[in-house]
PDB file of N, CA and C in Angstrom:
ATOM      1  N   MET A   1       0.849  -1.186   0.000  1.00  0.00           N
ATOM      2  CA  MET A   1       0.000   0.000   0.000  1.00  0.00           C
ATOM      3  C   MET A   1       0.890   1.243   0.000  1.00  0.00           C
ATOM      4  N   LYS A   2       0.599   2.151  -0.897  1.00  0.00           N
ATOM      5  CA  LYS A   2       1.373   3.387  -0.978  1.00  0.00           C
ATOM      6  C   LYS A   2       0.789   4.428  -0.026  1.00  0.00           C
ATOM      7  N   VAL A   3       1.671   5.249   0.555  1.00  0.00           N
ATOM      8  CA  VAL A   3       1.246   6.378   1.382  1.00  0.00           C
ATOM      9  C   VAL A   3       1.585   7.644   0.617  1.00  0.00           C
ATOM     10  N   LYS A   4       0.567   8.433   0.312  1.00  0.00           N
ATOM     11  CA  LYS A   4       0.751   9.588  -0.557  1.00  0.00           C
ATOM     12  C   LYS A   4       0.211  10.850   0.096  1.00  0.00           C
ATOM     13  N   ASN A   5       0.685  11.996  -0.385  1.00  0.00           N
ATOM     14  CA  ASN A   5       0.173  13.277   0.094  1.00  0.00           C
ATOM     15  C   ASN A   5      -1.173  13.616  -0.531  1.00  0.00           C
ATOM     16  N   SER A   6      -1.340  13.238  -1.789  1.00  0.00           N
ATOM     17  CA  SER A   6      -2.586  13.558  -2.486  1.00  0.00           C
ATOM     18  C   SER A   6      -3.083  12.315  -3.191  1.00  0.00           C
ATOM     19  N   LEU A   7      -4.367  12.026  -3.012  1.00  0.00           N
ATOM     20  CA  LEU A   7      -4.938  10.812  -3.609  1.00  0.00           C
ATOM     21  C   LEU A   7      -5.742  11.092  -4.863  1.00  0.00           C
ATOM     22  N   ARG A   8      -5.844  12.359  -5.241  1.00  0.00           N
ATOM     23  CA  ARG A   8      -6.699  12.686  -6.383  1.00  0.00           C
ATOM     24  C   ARG A   8      -6.194  12.030  -7.659  1.00  0.00           C
ATOM     25  N   SER A   9      -4.872  12.053  -7.880  1.00  0.00           N
ATOM     26  CA  SER A   9      -4.341  11.449  -9.097  1.00  0.00           C
ATOM     27  C   SER A   9      -4.430   9.929  -9.051  1.00  0.00           C
ATOM     28  N   LEU A  10      -4.349   9.356  -7.837  1.00  0.00           N
ATOM     29  CA  LEU A  10      -4.401   7.897  -7.748  1.00  0.00           C
ATOM     30  C   LEU A  10      -5.796   7.373  -8.038  1.00  0.00           C
ATOM     31  N   LYS A  11      -6.800   8.186  -7.757  1.00  0.00           N
ATOM     32  CA  LYS A  11      -8.172   7.748  -8.006  1.00  0.00           C
ATOM     33  C   LYS A  11      -8.418   7.526  -9.493  1.00  0.00           C
ATOM     34  N   ASN A  12      -7.679   8.234 -10.349  1.00  0.00           N
ATOM     35  CA  ASN A  12      -7.911   8.157 -11.792  1.00  0.00           C
ATOM     36  C   ASN A  12      -7.119   7.045 -12.471  1.00  0.00           C
ATOM     37  N   ARG A  13      -6.376   6.246 -11.691  1.00  0.00           N
ATOM     38  CA  ARG A  13      -5.573   5.216 -12.330  1.00  0.00           C
ATOM     39  C   ARG A  13      -6.416   4.062 -12.855  1.00  0.00           C
ATOM     40  N   HIS A  14      -7.571   3.842 -12.224  1.00  0.00           N
ATOM     41  CA  HIS A  14      -8.411   2.699 -12.607  1.00  0.00           C
ATOM     42  C   HIS A  14      -9.848   3.096 -12.331  1.00  0.00           C
ATOM     43  N   ARG A  15     -10.769   2.588 -13.133  1.00  0.00           N
ATOM     44  CA  ARG A  15     -12.142   3.053 -12.978  1.00  0.00           C
ATOM     45  C   ARG A  15     -12.829   2.488 -11.750  1.00  0.00           C
ATOM     46  N   ASP A  16     -12.253   1.442 -11.140  1.00  0.00           N
ATOM     47  CA  ASP A  16     -12.869   0.854  -9.950  1.00  0.00           C
ATOM     48  C   ASP A  16     -12.344   1.442  -8.642  1.00  0.00           C
ATOM     49  N   CYS A  17     -11.464   2.422  -8.721  1.00  0.00           N
ATOM     50  CA  CYS A  17     -10.900   2.992  -7.499  1.00  0.00           C
ATOM     51  C   CYS A  17     -11.955   3.801  -6.759  1.00  0.00           C
ATOM     52  N   ARG A  18     -11.976   3.643  -5.428  1.00  0.00           N
ATOM     53  CA  ARG A  18     -12.887   4.397  -4.572  1.00  0.00           C
ATOM     54  C   ARG A  18     -12.072   5.078  -3.494  1.00  0.00           C
ATOM     55  N   VAL A  19     -12.447   6.317  -3.176  1.00  0.00           N
ATOM     56  CA  VAL A  19     -11.815   7.049  -2.077  1.00  0.00           C
ATOM     57  C   VAL A  19     -12.722   6.919  -0.857  1.00  0.00           C
ATOM     58  N   VAL A  20     -12.173   6.391   0.241  1.00  0.00           N
ATOM     59  CA  VAL A  20     -12.944   6.070   1.432  1.00  0.00           C
ATOM     60  C   VAL A  20     -12.251   6.677   2.646  1.00  0.00           C
ATOM     61  N   ARG A  21     -13.051   7.234   3.577  1.00  0.00           N
ATOM     62  CA  ARG A  21     -12.497   7.739   4.834  1.00  0.00           C
ATOM     63  C   ARG A  21     -12.767   6.726   5.934  1.00  0.00           C
ATOM     64  N   ARG A  22     -11.692   6.315   6.619  1.00  0.00           N
ATOM     65  CA  ARG A  22     -11.821   5.393   7.742  1.00  0.00           C
ATOM     66  C   ARG A  22     -10.886   5.840   8.852  1.00  0.00           C
ATOM     67  N   LYS A  23     -11.445   6.052  10.036  1.00  0.00           N
ATOM     68  CA  LYS A  23     -10.659   6.366  11.244  1.00  0.00           C
ATOM     69  C   LYS A  23      -9.734   7.546  11.010  1.00  0.00           C
ATOM     70  N   GLY A  24     -10.223   8.580  10.356  1.00  0.00           N
ATOM     71  CA  GLY A  24      -9.422   9.784  10.134  1.00  0.00           C
ATOM     72  C   GLY A  24      -8.405   9.667   9.027  1.00  0.00           C
ATOM     73  N   ARG A  25      -8.342   8.546   8.362  1.00  0.00           N
ATOM     74  CA  ARG A  25      -7.419   8.383   7.250  1.00  0.00           C
ATOM     75  C   ARG A  25      -8.216   8.245   5.964  1.00  0.00           C
ATOM     76  N   VAL A  26      -7.584   8.630   4.861  1.00  0.00           N
ATOM     77  CA  VAL A  26      -8.234   8.561   3.561  1.00  0.00           C
ATOM     78  C   VAL A  26      -7.568   7.433   2.782  1.00  0.00           C
ATOM     79  N   TYR A  27      -8.378   6.550   2.250  1.00  0.00           N
ATOM     80  CA  TYR A  27      -7.869   5.389   1.523  1.00  0.00           C
ATOM     81  C   TYR A  27      -8.389   5.385   0.105  1.00  0.00           C
ATOM     82  N   VAL A  28      -7.569   4.864  -0.802  1.00  0.00           N
ATOM     83  CA  VAL A  28      -8.047   4.480  -2.131  1.00  0.00           C
ATOM     84  C   VAL A  28      -8.088   2.964  -2.124  1.00  0.00           C
ATOM     85  N   ILE A  29      -9.281   2.398  -2.351  1.00  0.00           N
ATOM     86  CA  ILE A  29      -9.422   0.945  -2.373  1.00  0.00           C
ATOM     87  C   ILE A  29      -9.926   0.526  -3.744  1.00  0.00           C
ATOM     88  N   ASN A  30      -9.545  -0.687  -4.121  1.00  0.00           N
ATOM     89  CA  ASN A  30      -9.916  -1.204  -5.430  1.00  0.00           C
ATOM     90  C   ASN A  30     -10.083  -2.709  -5.296  1.00  0.00           C
ATOM     91  N   LYS A  31     -11.340  -3.170  -5.457  1.00  0.00           N
ATOM     92  CA  LYS A  31     -11.610  -4.595  -5.262  1.00  0.00           C
ATOM     93  C   LYS A  31     -11.004  -5.447  -6.370  1.00  0.00           C
ATOM     94  N   THR A  32     -11.016  -4.946  -7.597  1.00  0.00           N
ATOM     95  CA  THR A  32     -10.590  -5.788  -8.716  1.00  0.00           C
ATOM     96  C   THR A  32      -9.082  -5.765  -8.908  1.00  0.00           C
ATOM     97  N   GLN A  33      -8.432  -4.644  -8.573  1.00  0.00           N
ATOM     98  CA  GLN A  33      -6.980  -4.520  -8.742  1.00  0.00           C
ATOM     99  C   GLN A  33      -6.378  -4.047  -7.418  1.00  0.00           C
ATOM    100  N   PRO A  34      -6.098  -4.950  -6.469  1.00  0.00           N
ATOM    101  CA  PRO A  34      -5.614  -4.512  -5.159  1.00  0.00           C
ATOM    102  C   PRO A  34      -4.272  -3.791  -5.191  1.00  0.00           C
ATOM    103  N   LYS A  35      -3.542  -3.839  -6.283  1.00  0.00           N
ATOM    104  CA  LYS A  35      -2.261  -3.135  -6.314  1.00  0.00           C
ATOM    105  C   LYS A  35      -2.434  -1.614  -6.311  1.00  0.00           C
ATOM    106  N   PHE A  36      -3.650  -1.120  -6.518  1.00  0.00           N
ATOM    107  CA  PHE A  36      -3.878   0.322  -6.534  1.00  0.00           C
ATOM    108  C   PHE A  36      -4.250   0.874  -5.174  1.00  0.00           C
ATOM    109  N   LYS A  37      -4.118   0.085  -4.099  1.00  0.00           N
ATOM    110  CA  LYS A  37      -4.450   0.578  -2.768  1.00  0.00           C
ATOM    111  C   LYS A  37      -3.499   1.704  -2.372  1.00  0.00           C
ATOM    112  N   ALA A  38      -4.028   2.709  -1.679  1.00  0.00           N
ATOM    113  CA  ALA A  38      -3.188   3.806  -1.206  1.00  0.00           C
ATOM    114  C   ALA A  38      -3.818   4.395   0.042  1.00  0.00           C
ATOM    115  N   ARG A  39      -2.976   5.113   0.818  1.00  0.00           N
ATOM    116  CA  ARG A  39      -3.429   5.689   2.069  1.00  0.00           C
ATOM    117  C   ARG A  39      -2.884   7.089   2.208  1.00  0.00           C
ATOM    118  N   GLN A  40      -3.670   7.956   2.858  1.00  0.00           N
ATOM    119  CA  GLN A  40      -3.217   9.306   3.167  1.00  0.00           C
ATOM    120  C   GLN A  40      -3.536   9.584   4.623  1.00  0.00           C
ATOM    121  N   GLY A  41      -2.583  10.207   5.355  1.00  0.00           N
ATOM    122  CA  GLY A  41      -2.847  10.585   6.738  1.00  0.00           C
ATOM    123  C   GLY A  41      -2.339   9.570   7.744  1.00  0.00           C
TER     124      GLY A  41
END
């Protein structure tokens, strides 16, 4: 999982990417391509 300052560009890498807030952190999750996971915060 990558830790990034900005997730806006990562959201556009794949059409299944979702930006989710959990426990004060922002995640990009992708069910079909787990290699696109990322975290901010």
